[in-house]
PDB file of N, CA and C in Angstrom:
ATOM      1  N   MET A   1      -2.384 -16.371  -8.108  1.00  0.00           N
ATOM      2  CA  MET A   1      -3.597 -15.297  -8.350  1.00  0.00           C
ATOM      3  C   MET A   1      -2.704 -14.243  -6.907  1.00  0.00           C
ATOM      4  N   ASN A   2      -3.124 -12.961  -7.541  1.00  0.00           N
ATOM      5  CA  ASN A   2      -1.724 -12.011  -6.574  1.00  0.00           C
ATOM      6  C   ASN A   2      -3.308 -11.887  -5.365  1.00  0.00           C
ATOM      7  N   LYS A   3      -3.217 -12.449  -3.974  1.00  0.00           N
ATOM      8  CA  LYS A   3      -3.596 -11.989  -2.481  1.00  0.00           C
ATOM      9  C   LYS A   3      -3.419 -11.023  -2.285  1.00  0.00           C
ATOM     10  N   ASN A   4      -2.639 -10.362  -2.778  1.00  0.00           N
ATOM     11  CA  ASN A   4      -2.413  -8.290  -2.288  1.00  0.00           C
ATOM     12  C   ASN A   4      -2.804  -7.070  -2.890  1.00  0.00           C
ATOM     13  N   ILE A   5      -4.234  -7.188  -3.042  1.00  0.00           N
ATOM     14  CA  ILE A   5      -5.434  -6.242  -4.100  1.00  0.00           C
ATOM     15  C   ILE A   5      -5.401  -5.404  -3.293  1.00  0.00           C
ATOM     16  N   ILE A   6      -5.400  -4.020  -3.146  1.00  0.00           N
ATOM     17  CA  ILE A   6      -6.128  -3.026  -2.370  1.00  0.00           C
ATOM     18  C   ILE A   6      -7.553  -2.061  -3.500  1.00  0.00           C
ATOM     19  N   LYS A   7      -7.924  -1.489  -2.287  1.00  0.00           N
ATOM     20  CA  LYS A   7      -9.064  -0.463  -3.568  1.00  0.00           C
ATOM     21  C   LYS A   7      -7.268   0.764  -3.781  1.00  0.00           C
ATOM     22  N   ASP A   8      -7.668   1.439  -4.464  1.00  0.00           N
ATOM     23  CA  ASP A   8      -7.125   2.654  -4.831  1.00  0.00           C
ATOM     24  C   ASP A   8      -8.387   3.277  -4.492  1.00  0.00           C
ATOM     25  N   ASN A   9      -7.926   5.695  -4.389  1.00  0.00           N
ATOM     26  CA  ASN A   9      -8.677   6.160  -4.406  1.00  0.00           C
ATOM     27  C   ASN A   9     -10.011   6.372  -4.777  1.00  0.00           C
ATOM     28  N   TYR A  10     -10.184   5.953  -6.272  1.00  0.00           N
ATOM     29  CA  TYR A  10     -11.126   5.945  -6.836  1.00  0.00           C
ATOM     30  C   TYR A  10     -12.615   4.301  -6.913  1.00  0.00           C
ATOM     31  N   GLY A  11     -11.812   3.219  -6.008  1.00  0.00           N
ATOM     32  CA  GLY A  11     -12.713   2.095  -5.987  1.00  0.00           C
ATOM     33  C   GLY A  11     -12.049   1.240  -6.471  1.00  0.00           C
ATOM     34  N   LYS A  12     -11.194   2.085  -7.382  1.00  0.00           N
ATOM     35  CA  LYS A  12     -10.064   0.411  -8.864  1.00  0.00           C
ATOM     36  C   LYS A  12      -9.061  -0.392  -7.928  1.00  0.00           C
ATOM     37  N   ASN A  13      -9.636  -1.936  -8.731  1.00  0.00           N
ATOM     38  CA  ASN A  13      -8.881  -2.788  -7.440  1.00  0.00           C
ATOM     39  C   ASN A  13      -7.287  -2.607  -7.913  1.00  0.00           C
ATOM     40  N   PHE A  14      -6.288  -1.947  -7.496  1.00  0.00           N
ATOM     41  CA  PHE A  14      -4.790  -2.109  -7.617  1.00  0.00           C
ATOM     42  C   PHE A  14      -4.011  -3.437  -6.996  1.00  0.00           C
ATOM     43  N   PRO A  15      -3.343  -4.533  -7.758  1.00  0.00           N
ATOM     44  CA  PRO A  15      -2.497  -5.713  -7.208  1.00  0.00           C
ATOM     45  C   PRO A  15      -1.089  -4.523  -7.313  1.00  0.00           C
ATOM     46  N   ILE A  16      -0.690  -5.059  -5.668  1.00  0.00           N
ATOM     47  CA  ILE A  16       0.541  -4.967  -5.568  1.00  0.00           C
ATOM     48  C   ILE A  16       1.496  -6.059  -6.141  1.00  0.00           C
ATOM     49  N   LYS A  17       2.389  -5.836  -6.878  1.00  0.00           N
ATOM     50  CA  LYS A  17       3.422  -6.751  -7.263  1.00  0.00           C
ATOM     51  C   LYS A  17       4.585  -7.150  -6.557  1.00  0.00           C
ATOM     52  N   ASN A  18       5.133  -6.403  -5.826  1.00  0.00           N
ATOM     53  CA  ASN A  18       5.506  -6.597  -4.804  1.00  0.00           C
ATOM     54  C   ASN A  18       5.888  -6.405  -3.479  1.00  0.00           C
ATOM     55  N   ILE A  19       4.826  -6.675  -2.083  1.00  0.00           N
ATOM     56  CA  ILE A  19       4.528  -6.186  -1.021  1.00  0.00           C
ATOM     57  C   ILE A  19       5.805  -6.169  -0.003  1.00  0.00           C
ATOM     58  N   ASN A  20       7.145  -6.029  -0.046  1.00  0.00           N
ATOM     59  CA  ASN A  20       8.087  -5.781   0.002  1.00  0.00           C
ATOM     60  C   ASN A  20       8.320  -4.509  -0.387  1.00  0.00           C
ATOM     61  N   GLU A  21       8.213  -4.501  -1.365  1.00  0.00           N
ATOM     62  CA  GLU A  21       8.607  -3.223  -2.019  1.00  0.00           C
ATOM     63  C   GLU A  21       8.325  -2.037  -2.072  1.00  0.00           C
ATOM     64  N   PHE A  22       6.232  -2.804  -1.732  1.00  0.00           N
ATOM     65  CA  PHE A  22       5.513  -1.524  -1.870  1.00  0.00           C
ATOM     66  C   PHE A  22       5.968  -0.564  -0.029  1.00  0.00           C
ATOM     67  N   TYR A  23       5.431  -2.087   0.760  1.00  0.00           N
ATOM     68  CA  TYR A  23       6.045  -2.179   2.167  1.00  0.00           C
ATOM     69  C   TYR A  23       7.121  -0.827   2.609  1.00  0.00           C
ATOM     70  N   ASN A  24       7.907  -0.778   2.087  1.00  0.00           N
ATOM     71  CA  ASN A  24       9.503  -0.217   2.497  1.00  0.00           C
ATOM     72  C   ASN A  24       9.365   0.837   1.874  1.00  0.00           C
ATOM     73  N   HIS A  25       8.487   1.297   0.519  1.00  0.00           N
ATOM     74  CA  HIS A  25       8.384   2.412  -0.084  1.00  0.00           C
ATOM     75  C   HIS A  25       7.316   3.015   1.019  1.00  0.00           C
ATOM     76  N   ILE A  26       6.775   2.678   1.280  1.00  0.00           N
ATOM     77  CA  ILE A  26       5.526   3.641   2.393  1.00  0.00           C
ATOM     78  C   ILE A  26       5.844   3.651   3.663  1.00  0.00           C
ATOM     79  N   LEU A  27       6.695   3.387   4.267  1.00  0.00           N
ATOM     80  CA  LEU A  27       7.752   3.402   5.437  1.00  0.00           C
ATOM     81  C   LEU A  27       8.538   4.522   5.322  1.00  0.00           C
ATOM     82  N   TYR A  28       9.182   4.572   3.977  1.00  0.00           N
ATOM     83  CA  TYR A  28      10.515   5.680   4.025  1.00  0.00           C
ATOM     84  C   TYR A  28      10.268   6.692   3.134  1.00  0.00           C
ATOM     85  N   PHE A  29       8.907   6.669   2.458  1.00  0.00           N
ATOM     86  CA  PHE A  29       8.674   8.388   1.659  1.00  0.00           C
ATOM     87  C   PHE A  29       7.260   8.816   2.077  1.00  0.00           C
ATOM     88  N   HIS A  30       6.214   7.467   3.158  1.00  0.00           N
ATOM     89  CA  HIS A  30       4.995   8.300   3.889  1.00  0.00           C
ATOM     90  C   HIS A  30       4.735   7.540   5.544  1.00  0.00           C
ATOM     91  N   PHE A  31       5.816   8.028   5.556  1.00  0.00           N
ATOM     92  CA  PHE A  31       6.106   7.750   7.405  1.00  0.00           C
ATOM     93  C   PHE A  31       4.991   8.249   8.384  1.00  0.00           C
ATOM     94  N   THR A  32       4.688   9.493   8.119  1.00  0.00           N
ATOM     95  CA  THR A  32       4.469  10.191   9.104  1.00  0.00           C
ATOM     96  C   THR A  32       3.038  10.566   8.079  1.00  0.00           C
ATOM     97  N   GLY A  33       2.279  11.106   8.773  1.00  0.00           N
ATOM     98  CA  GLY A  33       1.392  12.032   8.340  1.00  0.00           C
ATOM     99  C   GLY A  33      -0.083  12.008   7.105  1.00  0.00           C
ATOM    100  N   THR A  34      -1.021  12.796   6.349  1.00  0.00           N
ATOM    101  CA  THR A  34      -1.297  11.910   5.470  1.00  0.00           C
ATOM    102  C   THR A  34      -0.672  12.793   4.092  1.00  0.00           C
ATOM    103  N   THR A  35      -0.413  11.469   2.931  1.00  0.00           N
ATOM    104  CA  THR A  35       0.322  12.259   1.878  1.00  0.00           C
ATOM    105  C   THR A  35      -0.995  12.023   0.553  1.00  0.00           C
ATOM    106  N   ILE A  36      -0.367  11.718  -0.361  1.00  0.00           N
ATOM    107  CA  ILE A  36      -0.668  10.645  -1.182  1.00  0.00           C
ATOM    108  C   ILE A  36       0.546  10.558  -2.437  1.00  0.00           C
ATOM    109  N   HIS A  37       0.109   9.026  -2.421  1.00  0.00           N
ATOM    110  CA  HIS A  37       0.848   7.736  -2.884  1.00  0.00           C
ATOM    111  C   HIS A  37       0.082   8.086  -4.104  1.00  0.00           C
ATOM    112  N   GLU A  38       1.134   7.675  -5.257  1.00  0.00           N
ATOM    113  CA  GLU A  38       0.606   7.121  -7.256  1.00  0.00           C
ATOM    114  C   GLU A  38       2.093   6.337  -7.271  1.00  0.00           C
ATOM    115  N   GLU A  39       0.569   5.454  -7.606  1.00  0.00           N
ATOM    116  CA  GLU A  39       1.604   4.035  -8.646  1.00  0.00           C
ATOM    117  C   GLU A  39       1.129   3.433  -9.612  1.00  0.00           C
ATOM    118  N   ASP A  40       1.823   3.911 -11.091  1.00  0.00           N
ATOM    119  CA  ASP A  40       0.557   3.109 -12.009  1.00  0.00           C
ATOM    120  C   ASP A  40      -0.045   3.534 -12.081  1.00  0.00           C
ATOM    121  N   GLY A  41      -0.674   5.010 -11.761  1.00  0.00           N
ATOM    122  CA  GLY A  41      -1.314   5.726 -12.448  1.00  0.00           C
ATOM    123  C   GLY A  41      -2.517   5.148 -11.125  1.00  0.00           C
ATOM    124  N   HIS A  42      -2.375   4.990 -10.398  1.00  0.00           N
ATOM    125  CA  HIS A  42      -3.755   4.614  -9.216  1.00  0.00           C
ATOM    126  C   HIS A  42      -3.005   5.960  -8.225  1.00  0.00           C
ATOM    127  N   TYR A  43      -3.759   6.072  -7.210  1.00  0.00           N
ATOM    128  CA  TYR A  43      -3.486   6.915  -6.119  1.00  0.00           C
ATOM    129  C   TYR A  43      -3.956   6.462  -4.921  1.00  0.00           C
ATOM    130  N   PHE A  44      -3.383   6.763  -4.054  1.00  0.00           N
ATOM    131  CA  PHE A  44      -3.514   6.367  -2.585  1.00  0.00           C
ATOM    132  C   PHE A  44      -3.562   7.561  -1.352  1.00  0.00           C
ATOM    133  N   THR A  45      -4.505   7.932  -0.779  1.00  0.00           N
ATOM    134  CA  THR A  45      -4.220   8.397   0.672  1.00  0.00           C
ATOM    135  C   THR A  45      -3.206   7.643   0.949  1.00  0.00           C
ATOM    136  N   VAL A  46      -2.533   7.927   1.858  1.00  0.00           N
ATOM    137  CA  VAL A  46      -1.113   7.008   3.091  1.00  0.00           C
ATOM    138  C   VAL A  46      -1.544   8.339   4.102  1.00  0.00           C
ATOM    139  N   ASP A  47      -2.153   7.581   5.400  1.00  0.00           N
ATOM    140  CA  ASP A  47      -1.972   8.233   5.953  1.00  0.00           C
ATOM    141  C   ASP A  47      -2.269   6.856   7.536  1.00  0.00           C
ATOM    142  N   ASN A  48      -2.259   7.057   8.363  1.00  0.00           N
ATOM    143  CA  ASN A  48      -2.118   5.740   9.859  1.00  0.00           C
ATOM    144  C   ASN A  48      -3.038   4.433   9.552  1.00  0.00           C
ATOM    145  N   GLU A  49      -4.492   4.593   8.945  1.00  0.00           N
ATOM    146  CA  GLU A  49      -4.983   3.552   8.888  1.00  0.00           C
ATOM    147  C   GLU A  49      -4.228   2.055   7.396  1.00  0.00           C
ATOM    148  N   PHE A  50      -4.209   3.307   6.220  1.00  0.00           N
ATOM    149  CA  PHE A  50      -3.206   2.981   5.168  1.00  0.00           C
ATOM    150  C   PHE A  50      -2.203   2.492   5.958  1.00  0.00           C
ATOM    151  N   ARG A  51      -1.364   2.437   6.008  1.00  0.00           N
ATOM    152  CA  ARG A  51      -0.047   2.199   6.494  1.00  0.00           C
ATOM    153  C   ARG A  51      -0.341   0.706   7.822  1.00  0.00           C
ATOM    154  N   GLU A  52      -1.230   0.623   8.597  1.00  0.00           N
ATOM    155  CA  GLU A  52      -1.597  -0.337   9.271  1.00  0.00           C
ATOM    156  C   GLU A  52      -1.906  -1.584   8.477  1.00  0.00           C
ATOM    157  N   LYS A  53      -2.979  -1.431   7.251  1.00  0.00           N
ATOM    158  CA  LYS A  53      -3.265  -2.504   5.781  1.00  0.00           C
ATOM    159  C   LYS A  53      -2.150  -2.761   5.487  1.00  0.00           C
ATOM    160  N   ILE A  54      -1.082  -1.702   5.213  1.00  0.00           N
ATOM    161  CA  ILE A  54       0.369  -2.214   4.125  1.00  0.00           C
ATOM    162  C   ILE A  54       0.677  -2.852   5.029  1.00  0.00           C
ATOM    163  N   LYS A  55       1.259  -2.508   6.092  1.00  0.00           N
ATOM    164  CA  LYS A  55       1.746  -3.321   7.394  1.00  0.00           C
ATOM    165  C   LYS A  55       0.943  -4.708   7.448  1.00  0.00           C
ATOM    166  N   ASN A  56      -0.139  -4.947   7.728  1.00  0.00           N
ATOM    167  CA  ASN A  56      -0.585  -6.143   7.740  1.00  0.00           C
ATOM    168  C   ASN A  56      -0.357  -6.870   6.809  1.00  0.00           C
ATOM    169  N   LEU A  57      -0.717  -6.636   5.071  1.00  0.00           N
ATOM    170  CA  LEU A  57      -0.940  -7.293   4.127  1.00  0.00           C
ATOM    171  C   LEU A  57       1.098  -7.733   4.165  1.00  0.00           C
ATOM    172  N   PHE A  58       2.009  -7.223   4.598  1.00  0.00           N
ATOM    173  CA  PHE A  58       3.108  -7.343   4.736  1.00  0.00           C
ATOM    174  C   PHE A  58       3.704  -8.641   5.405  1.00  0.00           C
ATOM    175  N   GLU A  59       3.029  -8.021   6.747  1.00  0.00           N
ATOM    176  CA  GLU A  59       3.453  -9.288   7.871  1.00  0.00           C
ATOM    177  C   GLU A  59       2.526 -11.082   6.736  1.00  0.00           C
ATOM    178  N   ASN A  60       1.652 -10.737   6.715  1.00  0.00           N
ATOM    179  CA  ASN A  60       0.769 -11.804   6.673  1.00  0.00           C
ATOM    180  C   ASN A  60       1.168 -12.667   5.427  1.00  0.00           C
ATOM    181  N   SER A  61       2.015 -12.373   4.617  1.00  0.00           N
ATOM    182  CA  SER A  61       2.437 -12.436   3.447  1.00  0.00           C
ATOM    183  C   SER A  61       3.840 -12.722   3.483  1.00  0.00           C
ATOM    184  N   ASN A  62       4.059 -13.026   4.696  1.00  0.00           N
ATOM    185  CA  ASN A  62       5.596 -13.478   4.976  1.00  0.00           C
ATOM    186  C   ASN A  62       6.031 -14.646   5.770  1.00  0.00           C
ATOM    187  N   HIS A  63       5.284 -14.915   6.032  1.00  0.00           N
ATOM    188  CA  HIS A  63       4.930 -16.090   7.359  1.00  0.00           C
ATOM    189  C   HIS A  63       4.729 -17.580   6.195  1.00  0.00           C
TER     190      HIS A  63
END
């Protein structure tokens, strides 16, 4: 079971298939400000709170 599940902008569950790739993408393409990330038809508002949430998932999954 995938423990890395987040909600998109519409409240739908989105399982992150590869947290390492997802986190690295967010860091590289959505490093600052507020942007929109789209993946597999799901939309996410990427801001500091979202980046922190993904960082925590990344750190907790790599221990």
